[in-house]
Amino acid sequence: AMGRLVGQRWRLELALLGALAIGSVALRS
């Protein structure tokens, strides 16, 4: 999914990974 969404745009990849982390933390909270 990351490959299709971001390609070579690694900063966007970091942003999407950050969103995954925030979602996980929000759920456990």
Full PDB file with SEQRES, HELIX, SHEET, SSBOND, CRYST1, ORIGX, SCALE, CONECT and MASTER records, all heavy atoms in Angstrom:
SEQRES   1 A   29  ALA MET GLY ARG LEU VAL GLY GLN ARG TRP ARG LEU GLU          
SEQRES   2 A   29  LEU ALA LEU LEU GLY ALA LEU ALA ILE GLY SER VAL ALA          
SEQRES   3 A   29  LEU ARG SER                                                  
HELIX    1 AA1 MET A    2  VAL A    6  1                                   5    
HELIX    2 AA2 TRP A   10  ARG A   28  1                                  19    
CRYST1    1.000    1.000    1.000  90.00  90.00  90.00 P 1           1          
ORIGX1      1.000000  0.000000  0.000000        0.00000                         
ORIGX2      0.000000  1.000000  0.000000        0.00000                         
ORIGX3      0.000000  0.000000  1.000000        0.00000                         
SCALE1      1.000000  0.000000  0.000000        0.00000                         
SCALE2      0.000000  1.000000  0.000000        0.00000                         
SCALE3      0.000000  0.000000  1.000000        0.00000                         
ATOM      1  N   ALA A   1       0.832  -1.206   0.000  1.00  0.00           N  
ATOM      2  CA  ALA A   1       0.000   0.000   0.000  1.00  0.00           C  
ATOM      3  C   ALA A   1       0.864   1.253   0.000  1.00  0.00           C  
ATOM      4  O   ALA A   1       0.580   2.215  -0.729  1.00  0.00           O  
ATOM      5  CB  ALA A   1      -0.930  -0.016   1.209  1.00  0.00           C  
ATOM      6  N   MET A   2       1.927   1.246   0.794  1.00  0.00           N  
ATOM      7  CA  MET A   2       2.827   2.398   0.834  1.00  0.00           C  
ATOM      8  C   MET A   2       3.477   2.616  -0.525  1.00  0.00           C  
ATOM      9  O   MET A   2       3.609   3.750  -0.996  1.00  0.00           O  
ATOM     10  CB  MET A   2       3.896   2.190   1.903  1.00  0.00           C  
ATOM     11  CG  MET A   2       3.429   2.438   3.312  1.00  0.00           C  
ATOM     12  SD  MET A   2       3.035   4.182   3.598  1.00  0.00           S  
ATOM     13  CE  MET A   2       2.497   4.087   5.310  1.00  0.00           C  
ATOM     14  N   GLY A   3       3.893   1.534  -1.153  1.00  0.00           N  
ATOM     15  CA  GLY A   3       4.520   1.665  -2.457  1.00  0.00           C  
ATOM     16  C   GLY A   3       3.598   2.316  -3.474  1.00  0.00           C  
ATOM     17  O   GLY A   3       4.028   3.158  -4.278  1.00  0.00           O  
ATOM     18  N   ARG A   4       2.325   1.947  -3.443  1.00  0.00           N  
ATOM     19  CA  ARG A   4       1.382   2.507  -4.409  1.00  0.00           C  
ATOM     20  C   ARG A   4       0.991   3.937  -4.066  1.00  0.00           C  
ATOM     21  O   ARG A   4       0.732   4.749  -4.964  1.00  0.00           O  
ATOM     22  CB  ARG A   4       0.131   1.625  -4.456  1.00  0.00           C  
ATOM     23  CG  ARG A   4       0.402   0.250  -5.060  1.00  0.00           C  
ATOM     24  CD  ARG A   4      -0.853  -0.604  -5.090  1.00  0.00           C  
ATOM     25  NE  ARG A   4      -0.582  -1.896  -5.727  1.00  0.00           N  
ATOM     26  CZ  ARG A   4      -1.468  -2.868  -5.839  1.00  0.00           C  
ATOM     27  NH1 ARG A   4      -2.701  -2.694  -5.345  1.00  0.00           N  
ATOM     28  NH2 ARG A   4      -1.153  -4.007  -6.422  1.00  0.00           N  
ATOM     29  N   LEU A   5       0.971   4.249  -2.791  1.00  0.00           N  
ATOM     30  CA  LEU A   5       0.528   5.579  -2.389  1.00  0.00           C  
ATOM     31  C   LEU A   5       1.630   6.628  -2.461  1.00  0.00           C  
ATOM     32  O   LEU A   5       1.373   7.790  -2.801  1.00  0.00           O  
ATOM     33  CB  LEU A   5      -0.022   5.533  -0.955  1.00  0.00           C  
ATOM     34  CG  LEU A   5      -1.345   4.817  -0.744  1.00  0.00           C  
ATOM     35  CD1 LEU A   5      -1.656   4.676   0.738  1.00  0.00           C  
ATOM     36  CD2 LEU A   5      -2.472   5.576  -1.437  1.00  0.00           C  
ATOM     37  N   VAL A   6       2.873   6.222  -2.123  1.00  0.00           N  
ATOM     38  CA  VAL A   6       3.915   7.240  -1.966  1.00  0.00           C  
ATOM     39  C   VAL A   6       5.036   7.140  -2.997  1.00  0.00           C  
ATOM     40  O   VAL A   6       5.712   8.137  -3.267  1.00  0.00           O  
ATOM     41  CB  VAL A   6       4.516   7.199  -0.546  1.00  0.00           C  
ATOM     42  CG1 VAL A   6       3.428   7.300   0.496  1.00  0.00           C  
ATOM     43  CG2 VAL A   6       5.362   5.956  -0.321  1.00  0.00           C  
ATOM     44  N   GLY A   7       5.290   5.959  -3.553  1.00  0.00           N  
ATOM     45  CA  GLY A   7       6.384   5.832  -4.508  1.00  0.00           C  
ATOM     46  C   GLY A   7       7.710   6.237  -3.890  1.00  0.00           C  
ATOM     47  O   GLY A   7       8.147   5.672  -2.897  1.00  0.00           O  
ATOM     48  N   GLN A   8       8.355   7.263  -4.446  1.00  0.00           N  
ATOM     49  CA  GLN A   8       9.638   7.756  -3.957  1.00  0.00           C  
ATOM     50  C   GLN A   8       9.486   8.888  -2.938  1.00  0.00           C  
ATOM     51  O   GLN A   8      10.484   9.406  -2.443  1.00  0.00           O  
ATOM     52  CB  GLN A   8      10.474   8.267  -5.136  1.00  0.00           C  
ATOM     53  CG  GLN A   8      10.837   7.201  -6.155  1.00  0.00           C  
ATOM     54  CD  GLN A   8      11.916   6.274  -5.630  1.00  0.00           C  
ATOM     55  OE1 GLN A   8      12.921   6.704  -5.084  1.00  0.00           O  
ATOM     56  NE2 GLN A   8      11.712   4.976  -5.801  1.00  0.00           N  
ATOM     57  N   ARG A   9       8.285   9.261  -2.604  1.00  0.00           N  
ATOM     58  CA  ARG A   9       8.052  10.412  -1.706  1.00  0.00           C  
ATOM     59  C   ARG A   9       8.132   9.954  -0.255  1.00  0.00           C  
ATOM     60  O   ARG A   9       7.128   9.720   0.403  1.00  0.00           O  
ATOM     61  CB  ARG A   9       6.702  11.039  -2.022  1.00  0.00           C  
ATOM     62  CG  ARG A   9       6.607  11.647  -3.435  1.00  0.00           C  
ATOM     63  CD  ARG A   9       5.192  12.062  -3.766  1.00  0.00           C  
ATOM     64  NE  ARG A   9       4.293  10.909  -3.875  1.00  0.00           N  
ATOM     65  CZ  ARG A   9       2.986  10.999  -4.081  1.00  0.00           C  
ATOM     66  NH1 ARG A   9       2.405  12.189  -4.197  1.00  0.00           N  
ATOM     67  NH2 ARG A   9       2.249   9.903  -4.180  1.00  0.00           N  
ATOM     68  N   TRP A  10       9.350   9.877   0.232  1.00  0.00           N  
ATOM     69  CA  TRP A  10       9.567   9.311   1.563  1.00  0.00           C  
ATOM     70  C   TRP A  10       9.008  10.193   2.675  1.00  0.00           C  
ATOM     71  O   TRP A  10       8.621   9.693   3.733  1.00  0.00           O  
ATOM     72  CB  TRP A  10      11.049   9.026   1.788  1.00  0.00           C  
ATOM     73  CG  TRP A  10      11.948  10.226   1.714  1.00  0.00           C  
ATOM     74  CD1 TRP A  10      12.577  10.714   0.616  1.00  0.00           C  
ATOM     75  CD2 TRP A  10      12.328  11.072   2.812  1.00  0.00           C  
ATOM     76  NE1 TRP A  10      13.325  11.816   0.937  1.00  0.00           N  
ATOM     77  CE2 TRP A  10      13.191  12.053   2.283  1.00  0.00           C  
ATOM     78  CE3 TRP A  10      12.023  11.090   4.172  1.00  0.00           C  
ATOM     79  CZ2 TRP A  10      13.754  13.065   3.072  1.00  0.00           C  
ATOM     80  CZ3 TRP A  10      12.576  12.082   4.962  1.00  0.00           C  
ATOM     81  CH2 TRP A  10      13.428  13.052   4.428  1.00  0.00           C  
ATOM     82  N   ARG A  11       8.941  11.490   2.463  1.00  0.00           N  
ATOM     83  CA  ARG A  11       8.350  12.357   3.497  1.00  0.00           C  
ATOM     84  C   ARG A  11       6.864  12.065   3.659  1.00  0.00           C  
ATOM     85  O   ARG A  11       6.338  12.072   4.783  1.00  0.00           O  
ATOM     86  CB  ARG A  11       8.579  13.832   3.148  1.00  0.00           C  
ATOM     87  CG  ARG A  11      10.037  14.280   3.263  1.00  0.00           C  
ATOM     88  CD  ARG A  11      10.176  15.773   2.961  1.00  0.00           C  
ATOM     89  NE  ARG A  11      11.549  16.216   3.120  1.00  0.00           N  
ATOM     90  CZ  ARG A  11      12.475  16.133   2.168  1.00  0.00           C  
ATOM     91  NH1 ARG A  11      12.153  15.594   0.980  1.00  0.00           N  
ATOM     92  NH2 ARG A  11      13.708  16.568   2.381  1.00  0.00           N  
ATOM     93  N   LEU A  12       6.196  11.818   2.546  1.00  0.00           N  
ATOM     94  CA  LEU A  12       4.785  11.430   2.626  1.00  0.00           C  
ATOM     95  C   LEU A  12       4.646  10.088   3.329  1.00  0.00           C  
ATOM     96  O   LEU A  12       3.707   9.872   4.104  1.00  0.00           O  
ATOM     97  CB  LEU A  12       4.184  11.361   1.218  1.00  0.00           C  
ATOM     98  CG  LEU A  12       2.728  10.895   1.119  1.00  0.00           C  
ATOM     99  CD1 LEU A  12       1.811  11.800   1.932  1.00  0.00           C  
ATOM    100  CD2 LEU A  12       2.278  10.840  -0.340  1.00  0.00           C  
ATOM    101  N   GLU A  13       5.590   9.192   3.082  1.00  0.00           N  
ATOM    102  CA  GLU A  13       5.568   7.901   3.764  1.00  0.00           C  
ATOM    103  C   GLU A  13       5.669   8.082   5.269  1.00  0.00           C  
ATOM    104  O   GLU A  13       4.943   7.438   6.041  1.00  0.00           O  
ATOM    105  CB  GLU A  13       6.713   7.027   3.251  1.00  0.00           C  
ATOM    106  CG  GLU A  13       6.725   5.631   3.843  1.00  0.00           C  
ATOM    107  CD  GLU A  13       7.693   4.707   3.137  1.00  0.00           C  
ATOM    108  OE1 GLU A  13       8.463   5.196   2.275  1.00  0.00           O  
ATOM    109  OE2 GLU A  13       7.672   3.496   3.427  1.00  0.00           O  
ATOM    110  N   LEU A  14       6.567   8.962   5.715  1.00  0.00           N  
ATOM    111  CA  LEU A  14       6.691   9.224   7.143  1.00  0.00           C  
ATOM    112  C   LEU A  14       5.393   9.787   7.709  1.00  0.00           C  
ATOM    113  O   LEU A  14       4.982   9.439   8.824  1.00  0.00           O  
ATOM    114  CB  LEU A  14       7.843  10.195   7.403  1.00  0.00           C  
ATOM    115  CG  LEU A  14       9.254   9.684   7.122  1.00  0.00           C  
ATOM    116  CD1 LEU A  14      10.285  10.771   7.419  1.00  0.00           C  
ATOM    117  CD2 LEU A  14       9.561   8.433   7.952  1.00  0.00           C  
ATOM    118  N   ALA A  15       4.740  10.646   6.931  1.00  0.00           N  
ATOM    119  CA  ALA A  15       3.480  11.222   7.397  1.00  0.00           C  
ATOM    120  C   ALA A  15       2.403  10.147   7.543  1.00  0.00           C  
ATOM    121  O   ALA A  15       1.650  10.131   8.531  1.00  0.00           O  
ATOM    122  CB  ALA A  15       3.019  12.313   6.427  1.00  0.00           C  
ATOM    123  N   LEU A  16       2.329   9.236   6.582  1.00  0.00           N  
ATOM    124  CA  LEU A  16       1.327   8.172   6.651  1.00  0.00           C  
ATOM    125  C   LEU A  16       1.626   7.204   7.791  1.00  0.00           C  
ATOM    126  O   LEU A  16       0.713   6.732   8.478  1.00  0.00           O  
ATOM    127  CB  LEU A  16       1.266   7.426   5.321  1.00  0.00           C  
ATOM    128  CG  LEU A  16       0.718   8.229   4.135  1.00  0.00           C  
ATOM    129  CD1 LEU A  16       0.757   7.384   2.861  1.00  0.00           C  
ATOM    130  CD2 LEU A  16      -0.699   8.702   4.416  1.00  0.00           C  
ATOM    131  N   LEU A  17       2.903   6.908   7.988  1.00  0.00           N  
ATOM    132  CA  LEU A  17       3.269   6.066   9.131  1.00  0.00           C  
ATOM    133  C   LEU A  17       2.904   6.755  10.438  1.00  0.00           C  
ATOM    134  O   LEU A  17       2.422   6.111  11.389  1.00  0.00           O  
ATOM    135  CB  LEU A  17       4.759   5.743   9.092  1.00  0.00           C  
ATOM    136  CG  LEU A  17       5.212   4.776   7.989  1.00  0.00           C  
ATOM    137  CD1 LEU A  17       6.728   4.669   7.966  1.00  0.00           C  
ATOM    138  CD2 LEU A  17       4.591   3.391   8.189  1.00  0.00           C  
ATOM    139  N   GLY A  18       3.135   8.051  10.496  1.00  0.00           N  
ATOM    140  CA  GLY A  18       2.743   8.797  11.692  1.00  0.00           C  
ATOM    141  C   GLY A  18       1.251   8.719  11.945  1.00  0.00           C  
ATOM    142  O   GLY A  18       0.801   8.600  13.092  1.00  0.00           O  
ATOM    143  N   ALA A  19       0.465   8.764  10.872  1.00  0.00           N  
ATOM    144  CA  ALA A  19      -0.990   8.650  11.025  1.00  0.00           C  
ATOM    145  C   ALA A  19      -1.380   7.282  11.566  1.00  0.00           C  
ATOM    146  O   ALA A  19      -2.294   7.165  12.409  1.00  0.00           O  
ATOM    147  CB  ALA A  19      -1.666   8.908   9.676  1.00  0.00           C  
ATOM    148  N   LEU A  20      -0.707   6.216  11.098  1.00  0.00           N  
ATOM    149  CA  LEU A  20      -0.972   4.881  11.635  1.00  0.00           C  
ATOM    150  C   LEU A  20      -0.680   4.823  13.124  1.00  0.00           C  
ATOM    151  O   LEU A  20      -1.442   4.249  13.909  1.00  0.00           O  
ATOM    152  CB  LEU A  20      -0.117   3.843  10.898  1.00  0.00           C  
ATOM    153  CG  LEU A  20      -0.569   3.384   9.517  1.00  0.00           C  
ATOM    154  CD1 LEU A  20       0.449   2.404   8.943  1.00  0.00           C  
ATOM    155  CD2 LEU A  20      -1.946   2.730   9.587  1.00  0.00           C  
ATOM    156  N   ALA A  21       0.457   5.411  13.523  1.00  0.00           N  
ATOM    157  CA  ALA A  21       0.831   5.401  14.941  1.00  0.00           C  
ATOM    158  C   ALA A  21      -0.184   6.168  15.779  1.00  0.00           C  
ATOM    159  O   ALA A  21      -0.606   5.708  16.852  1.00  0.00           O  
ATOM    160  CB  ALA A  21       2.225   6.002  15.111  1.00  0.00           C  
ATOM    161  N   ILE A  22      -0.599   7.322  15.300  1.00  0.00           N  
ATOM    162  CA  ILE A  22      -1.579   8.124  16.037  1.00  0.00           C  
ATOM    163  C   ILE A  22      -2.895   7.369  16.177  1.00  0.00           C  
ATOM    164  O   ILE A  22      -3.526   7.368  17.244  1.00  0.00           O  
ATOM    165  CB  ILE A  22      -1.799   9.477  15.334  1.00  0.00           C  
ATOM    166  CG1 ILE A  22      -0.536  10.338  15.460  1.00  0.00           C  
ATOM    167  CG2 ILE A  22      -3.005  10.210  15.927  1.00  0.00           C  
ATOM    168  CD1 ILE A  22      -0.564  11.595  14.623  1.00  0.00           C  
ATOM    169  N   GLY A  23      -3.306   6.698  15.113  1.00  0.00           N  
ATOM    170  CA  GLY A  23      -4.544   5.927  15.186  1.00  0.00           C  
ATOM    171  C   GLY A  23      -4.470   4.814  16.203  1.00  0.00           C  
ATOM    172  O   GLY A  23      -5.428   4.574  16.951  1.00  0.00           O  
ATOM    173  N   SER A  24      -3.337   4.130  16.258  1.00  0.00           N  
ATOM    174  CA  SER A  24      -3.164   3.048  17.225  1.00  0.00           C  
ATOM    175  C   SER A  24      -3.182   3.575  18.653  1.00  0.00           C  
ATOM    176  O   SER A  24      -3.848   3.006  19.534  1.00  0.00           O  
ATOM    177  CB  SER A  24      -1.851   2.312  16.933  1.00  0.00           C  
ATOM    178  OG  SER A  24      -1.609   1.303  17.883  1.00  0.00           O  
ATOM    179  N   VAL A  25      -2.472   4.664  18.892  1.00  0.00           N  
ATOM    180  CA  VAL A  25      -2.434   5.251  20.234  1.00  0.00           C  
ATOM    181  C   VAL A  25      -3.819   5.756  20.633  1.00  0.00           C  
ATOM    182  O   VAL A  25      -4.246   5.593  21.788  1.00  0.00           O  
ATOM    183  CB  VAL A  25      -1.396   6.385  20.292  1.00  0.00           C  
ATOM    184  CG1 VAL A  25      -1.495   7.142  21.618  1.00  0.00           C  
ATOM    185  CG2 VAL A  25       0.009   5.837  20.113  1.00  0.00           C  
ATOM    186  N   ALA A  26      -4.528   6.344  19.691  1.00  0.00           N  
ATOM    187  CA  ALA A  26      -5.870   6.842  19.985  1.00  0.00           C  
ATOM    188  C   ALA A  26      -6.807   5.700  20.367  1.00  0.00           C  
ATOM    189  O   ALA A  26      -7.618   5.827  21.302  1.00  0.00           O  
ATOM    190  CB  ALA A  26      -6.414   7.605  18.776  1.00  0.00           C  
ATOM    191  N   LEU A  27      -6.706   4.585  19.659  1.00  0.00           N  
ATOM    192  CA  LEU A  27      -7.566   3.440  19.962  1.00  0.00           C  
ATOM    193  C   LEU A  27      -7.286   2.890  21.352  1.00  0.00           C  
ATOM    194  O   LEU A  27      -8.223   2.662  22.131  1.00  0.00           O  
ATOM    195  CB  LEU A  27      -7.353   2.348  18.916  1.00  0.00           C  
ATOM    196  CG  LEU A  27      -8.106   1.036  19.162  1.00  0.00           C  
ATOM    197  CD1 LEU A  27      -9.610   1.264  19.193  1.00  0.00           C  
ATOM    198  CD2 LEU A  27      -7.751  -0.007  18.112  1.00  0.00           C  
ATOM    199  N   ARG A  28      -5.998   2.681  21.698  1.00  0.00           N  
ATOM    200  CA  ARG A  28      -5.690   2.123  23.014  1.00  0.00           C  
ATOM    201  C   ARG A  28      -6.108   3.099  24.119  1.00  0.00           C  
ATOM    202  O   ARG A  28      -6.562   2.685  25.187  1.00  0.00           O  
ATOM    203  CB  ARG A  28      -4.233   1.716  23.129  1.00  0.00           C  
ATOM    204  CG  ARG A  28      -3.221   2.812  23.088  1.00  0.00           C  
ATOM    205  CD  ARG A  28      -1.785   2.295  23.232  1.00  0.00           C  
ATOM    206  NE  ARG A  28      -1.539   1.830  24.590  1.00  0.00           N  
ATOM    207  CZ  ARG A  28      -1.319   0.564  24.929  1.00  0.00           C  
ATOM    208  NH1 ARG A  28      -1.327  -0.376  24.031  1.00  0.00           N  
ATOM    209  NH2 ARG A  28      -1.097   0.242  26.194  1.00  0.00           N  
ATOM    210  N   SER A  29      -5.985   4.400  23.865  1.00  0.00           N  
ATOM    211  CA  SER A  29      -6.391   5.390  24.864  1.00  0.00           C  
ATOM    212  C   SER A  29      -7.901   5.381  25.056  1.00  0.00           C  
ATOM    213  O   SER A  29      -8.400   5.485  26.185  1.00  0.00           O  
ATOM    214  CB  SER A  29      -5.917   6.789  24.445  1.00  0.00           C  
ATOM    215  OG  SER A  29      -4.501   6.846  24.366  1.00  0.00           O  
TER     216      SER A  29                                                      
MASTER        0    0    0    2    0    0    0    6  215    1    0    3          
END                                                                             
